[in-house]
Amino acid sequence: MKDLVNKAVALGLGLGVAGKEQAAKLAAAIEKKLGASSKESKAFVAEAVRKGEQTRVELEKQICALAKSVLPVSRKEFDALKAQLARKKKK
C-alpha cells in the first residue's frame, strides 16, 4: 500500500506536467492492468492531478519566498533606487 501511495504522489507530480492526453492514457492503463472501473480510474487520475497541482503551487510559493530572501528588491525597485541616487548625485 505504501508503494502505491508513493507511486500516486509521483504520478500526481508527473501528471501536472503531462496533460490531459497522458492522463487519459493512464486511466486506460489502470483499467486494463488493475481491473479498475472507468469511474475508479478517472477518480484516481483526477486526485493525482489535483495533488500534483497542489504540490506545484506549494513549491512555487517556496521558490518565491527563497528568491525574495536572496534578492530582497525587485528589478523595478532597483531601477527606482538607481534613478533616485542619480538625481541626488546631480544636486
N, C-alpha and C. Protein backbone atom coordinates (compact mmCIF):
# COMPACT_ATOMS: atom_id res chain seq x y z
N MET A 1 0.82 -1.20 0.00
CA MET A 1 0.00 0.00 0.00
C MET A 1 0.86 1.26 0.00
N LYS A 2 1.93 1.23 0.82
CA LYS A 2 2.82 2.39 0.88
C LYS A 2 3.44 2.65 -0.48
N ASP A 3 3.81 1.57 -1.17
CA ASP A 3 4.39 1.71 -2.51
C ASP A 3 3.40 2.36 -3.46
N LEU A 4 2.13 1.98 -3.36
CA LEU A 4 1.10 2.55 -4.21
C LEU A 4 0.92 4.04 -3.92
N VAL A 5 0.96 4.42 -2.66
CA VAL A 5 0.83 5.83 -2.29
C VAL A 5 2.00 6.62 -2.84
N ASN A 6 3.22 6.08 -2.70
CA ASN A 6 4.40 6.76 -3.24
C ASN A 6 4.29 6.94 -4.75
N LYS A 7 3.82 5.90 -5.42
CA LYS A 7 3.64 5.99 -6.86
C LYS A 7 2.58 7.02 -7.21
N ALA A 8 1.54 7.09 -6.42
CA ALA A 8 0.47 8.06 -6.67
C ALA A 8 0.98 9.49 -6.53
N VAL A 9 1.81 9.73 -5.53
CA VAL A 9 2.37 11.07 -5.35
C VAL A 9 3.26 11.43 -6.54
N ALA A 10 4.12 10.50 -6.92
CA ALA A 10 4.99 10.73 -8.08
C ALA A 10 4.16 10.93 -9.34
N LEU A 11 3.12 10.15 -9.46
CA LEU A 11 2.22 10.26 -10.59
C LEU A 11 1.56 11.63 -10.63
N GLY A 12 1.13 12.09 -9.48
CA GLY A 12 0.49 13.41 -9.41
C GLY A 12 1.41 14.51 -9.87
N LEU A 13 2.66 14.44 -9.47
CA LEU A 13 3.62 15.44 -9.91
C LEU A 13 3.83 15.36 -11.42
N GLY A 14 3.94 14.15 -11.90
CA GLY A 14 4.15 13.96 -13.33
C GLY A 14 2.95 14.36 -14.16
N LEU A 15 1.76 14.07 -13.67
CA LEU A 15 0.55 14.39 -14.43
C LEU A 15 0.32 15.88 -14.53
N GLY A 16 0.79 16.61 -13.56
CA GLY A 16 0.66 18.06 -13.63
C GLY A 16 1.34 18.60 -14.88
N VAL A 17 2.35 17.90 -15.32
CA VAL A 17 3.11 18.32 -16.49
C VAL A 17 2.59 17.64 -17.76
N ALA A 18 2.20 16.40 -17.65
CA ALA A 18 1.88 15.59 -18.83
C ALA A 18 0.62 16.03 -19.56
N GLY A 19 -0.39 16.46 -18.86
CA GLY A 19 -1.59 16.94 -19.51
C GLY A 19 -2.70 15.91 -19.61
N LYS A 20 -3.78 16.37 -20.19
CA LYS A 20 -4.99 15.55 -20.26
C LYS A 20 -4.81 14.28 -21.08
N GLU A 21 -4.10 14.38 -22.19
CA GLU A 21 -3.94 13.20 -23.05
C GLU A 21 -3.24 12.08 -22.30
N GLN A 22 -2.17 12.41 -21.62
CA GLN A 22 -1.45 11.40 -20.86
C GLN A 22 -2.31 10.87 -19.71
N ALA A 23 -3.10 11.74 -19.11
CA ALA A 23 -3.98 11.31 -18.02
C ALA A 23 -5.00 10.29 -18.53
N ALA A 24 -5.53 10.53 -19.72
CA ALA A 24 -6.49 9.59 -20.30
C ALA A 24 -5.83 8.24 -20.58
N LYS A 25 -4.60 8.28 -21.09
CA LYS A 25 -3.87 7.04 -21.34
C LYS A 25 -3.61 6.29 -20.03
N LEU A 26 -3.27 7.03 -19.01
CA LEU A 26 -3.01 6.42 -17.71
C LEU A 26 -4.28 5.78 -17.15
N ALA A 27 -5.40 6.47 -17.27
CA ALA A 27 -6.67 5.92 -16.79
C ALA A 27 -6.97 4.60 -17.50
N ALA A 28 -6.73 4.57 -18.80
CA ALA A 28 -6.98 3.34 -19.57
C ALA A 28 -6.04 2.23 -19.11
N ALA A 29 -4.79 2.57 -18.83
CA ALA A 29 -3.84 1.57 -18.36
C ALA A 29 -4.23 1.02 -16.99
N ILE A 30 -4.72 1.89 -16.12
CA ILE A 30 -5.16 1.47 -14.79
C ILE A 30 -6.33 0.50 -14.93
N GLU A 31 -7.25 0.85 -15.80
CA GLU A 31 -8.40 -0.03 -16.03
C GLU A 31 -7.95 -1.41 -16.52
N LYS A 32 -7.05 -1.41 -17.47
CA LYS A 32 -6.61 -2.66 -18.09
C LYS A 32 -5.76 -3.50 -17.13
N LYS A 33 -4.77 -2.88 -16.52
CA LYS A 33 -3.82 -3.64 -15.70
C LYS A 33 -4.34 -3.99 -14.31
N LEU A 34 -5.12 -3.09 -13.73
CA LEU A 34 -5.60 -3.32 -12.37
C LEU A 34 -7.05 -3.78 -12.32
N GLY A 35 -7.70 -3.78 -13.44
CA GLY A 35 -9.09 -4.20 -13.47
C GLY A 35 -10.03 -3.22 -12.81
N ALA A 36 -9.63 -1.98 -12.74
CA ALA A 36 -10.46 -0.95 -12.12
C ALA A 36 -11.55 -0.52 -13.10
N SER A 37 -12.63 -0.01 -12.56
CA SER A 37 -13.68 0.51 -13.43
C SER A 37 -13.24 1.86 -13.99
N SER A 38 -13.91 2.28 -15.02
CA SER A 38 -13.61 3.58 -15.65
C SER A 38 -13.77 4.71 -14.63
N LYS A 39 -14.81 4.63 -13.83
CA LYS A 39 -15.06 5.66 -12.83
C LYS A 39 -13.93 5.70 -11.79
N GLU A 40 -13.49 4.52 -11.35
CA GLU A 40 -12.41 4.45 -10.35
C GLU A 40 -11.10 4.99 -10.91
N SER A 41 -10.77 4.59 -12.14
CA SER A 41 -9.50 5.03 -12.71
C SER A 41 -9.50 6.53 -12.96
N LYS A 42 -10.62 7.06 -13.43
CA LYS A 42 -10.70 8.50 -13.66
C LYS A 42 -10.64 9.27 -12.35
N ALA A 43 -11.24 8.75 -11.31
CA ALA A 43 -11.18 9.39 -9.99
C ALA A 43 -9.75 9.39 -9.46
N PHE A 44 -9.07 8.26 -9.65
CA PHE A 44 -7.67 8.16 -9.20
C PHE A 44 -6.80 9.17 -9.93
N VAL A 45 -6.97 9.24 -11.26
CA VAL A 45 -6.17 10.18 -12.06
C VAL A 45 -6.51 11.63 -11.67
N ALA A 46 -7.78 11.93 -11.48
CA ALA A 46 -8.18 13.29 -11.09
C ALA A 46 -7.57 13.68 -9.75
N GLU A 47 -7.57 12.76 -8.81
CA GLU A 47 -6.98 13.02 -7.49
C GLU A 47 -5.47 13.23 -7.61
N ALA A 48 -4.82 12.42 -8.44
CA ALA A 48 -3.38 12.56 -8.64
C ALA A 48 -3.05 13.90 -9.27
N VAL A 49 -3.85 14.32 -10.24
CA VAL A 49 -3.64 15.62 -10.89
C VAL A 49 -3.85 16.74 -9.88
N ARG A 50 -4.88 16.62 -9.05
CA ARG A 50 -5.16 17.65 -8.04
C ARG A 50 -3.99 17.77 -7.06
N LYS A 51 -3.48 16.63 -6.61
CA LYS A 51 -2.35 16.64 -5.68
C LYS A 51 -1.10 17.20 -6.34
N GLY A 52 -0.91 16.88 -7.60
CA GLY A 52 0.23 17.40 -8.34
C GLY A 52 0.16 18.92 -8.46
N GLU A 53 -1.01 19.43 -8.76
CA GLU A 53 -1.21 20.88 -8.87
C GLU A 53 -1.00 21.56 -7.52
N GLN A 54 -1.51 20.94 -6.47
CA GLN A 54 -1.36 21.49 -5.13
C GLN A 54 0.13 21.53 -4.76
N THR A 55 0.86 20.49 -5.07
CA THR A 55 2.29 20.44 -4.78
C THR A 55 3.03 21.49 -5.60
N ARG A 56 2.63 21.68 -6.86
CA ARG A 56 3.26 22.68 -7.71
C ARG A 56 3.08 24.08 -7.13
N VAL A 57 1.87 24.37 -6.67
CA VAL A 57 1.59 25.67 -6.08
C VAL A 57 2.43 25.89 -4.81
N GLU A 58 2.51 24.87 -3.98
CA GLU A 58 3.31 24.97 -2.75
C GLU A 58 4.78 25.19 -3.07
N LEU A 59 5.30 24.45 -4.05
CA LEU A 59 6.70 24.62 -4.44
C LEU A 59 6.95 26.01 -5.01
N GLU A 60 6.01 26.50 -5.79
CA GLU A 60 6.14 27.84 -6.37
C GLU A 60 6.22 28.89 -5.26
N LYS A 61 5.40 28.75 -4.25
CA LYS A 61 5.42 29.68 -3.12
C LYS A 61 6.77 29.63 -2.40
N GLN A 62 7.28 28.41 -2.19
CA GLN A 62 8.57 28.26 -1.51
C GLN A 62 9.70 28.86 -2.33
N ILE A 63 9.66 28.67 -3.64
CA ILE A 63 10.69 29.22 -4.51
C ILE A 63 10.63 30.75 -4.51
N CYS A 64 9.43 31.31 -4.54
CA CYS A 64 9.28 32.77 -4.50
C CYS A 64 9.81 33.34 -3.19
N ALA A 65 9.50 32.66 -2.09
CA ALA A 65 9.99 33.11 -0.78
C ALA A 65 11.51 33.06 -0.73
N LEU A 66 12.09 32.00 -1.27
CA LEU A 66 13.54 31.88 -1.31
C LEU A 66 14.16 32.96 -2.18
N ALA A 67 13.56 33.21 -3.33
CA ALA A 67 14.08 34.25 -4.23
C ALA A 67 14.03 35.61 -3.56
N LYS A 68 12.96 35.89 -2.83
CA LYS A 68 12.86 37.18 -2.14
C LYS A 68 13.90 37.32 -1.04
N SER A 69 14.27 36.20 -0.41
CA SER A 69 15.28 36.28 0.63
C SER A 69 16.66 36.48 0.03
N VAL A 70 16.89 35.98 -1.17
CA VAL A 70 18.18 36.14 -1.84
C VAL A 70 18.24 37.48 -2.56
N LEU A 71 17.16 37.87 -3.21
CA LEU A 71 17.07 39.13 -3.93
C LEU A 71 16.00 39.99 -3.25
N PRO A 72 16.38 40.76 -2.24
CA PRO A 72 15.38 41.46 -1.43
C PRO A 72 14.62 42.57 -2.16
N VAL A 73 15.12 43.06 -3.30
CA VAL A 73 14.39 44.08 -4.04
C VAL A 73 14.10 43.58 -5.46
N SER A 74 12.99 44.02 -5.98
CA SER A 74 12.64 43.65 -7.36
C SER A 74 13.41 44.53 -8.33
N ARG A 75 13.37 44.16 -9.59
CA ARG A 75 14.06 44.95 -10.62
C ARG A 75 13.47 46.36 -10.68
N LYS A 76 12.17 46.47 -10.54
CA LYS A 76 11.50 47.77 -10.57
C LYS A 76 11.98 48.64 -9.41
N GLU A 77 12.05 48.04 -8.22
CA GLU A 77 12.53 48.77 -7.04
C GLU A 77 13.99 49.19 -7.22
N PHE A 78 14.79 48.30 -7.78
CA PHE A 78 16.21 48.60 -8.02
C PHE A 78 16.35 49.78 -8.98
N ASP A 79 15.60 49.76 -10.07
CA ASP A 79 15.67 50.86 -11.03
C ASP A 79 15.23 52.18 -10.42
N ALA A 80 14.21 52.14 -9.56
CA ALA A 80 13.75 53.36 -8.88
C ALA A 80 14.82 53.90 -7.94
N LEU A 81 15.48 53.01 -7.20
CA LEU A 81 16.55 53.44 -6.30
C LEU A 81 17.74 53.98 -7.09
N LYS A 82 18.04 53.38 -8.20
CA LYS A 82 19.14 53.82 -9.05
C LYS A 82 18.85 55.23 -9.59
N ALA A 83 17.62 55.46 -10.03
CA ALA A 83 17.22 56.78 -10.54
C ALA A 83 17.27 57.82 -9.42
N GLN A 84 16.84 57.44 -8.24
CA GLN A 84 16.87 58.35 -7.09
C GLN A 84 18.30 58.73 -6.74
N LEU A 85 19.20 57.77 -6.77
CA LEU A 85 20.60 58.01 -6.48
C LEU A 85 21.22 58.92 -7.54
N ALA A 86 20.87 58.71 -8.79
CA ALA A 86 21.37 59.54 -9.88
C ALA A 86 20.90 60.99 -9.71
N ARG A 87 19.66 61.18 -9.29
CA ARG A 87 19.14 62.54 -9.07
C ARG A 87 19.89 63.22 -7.92
N LYS A 88 20.22 62.47 -6.87
CA LYS A 88 20.93 63.04 -5.73
C LYS A 88 22.36 63.42 -6.11
N LYS A 89 22.97 62.65 -6.99
CA LYS A 89 24.33 62.95 -7.44
C LYS A 89 24.38 64.24 -8.24
N LYS A 90 23.31 64.54 -8.98
CA LYS A 90 23.26 65.75 -9.79
C LYS A 90 23.17 67.00 -8.94
N LYS A 91 22.63 66.89 -7.75
CA LYS A 91 22.44 68.05 -6.86
C LYS A 91 23.70 68.53 -6.31
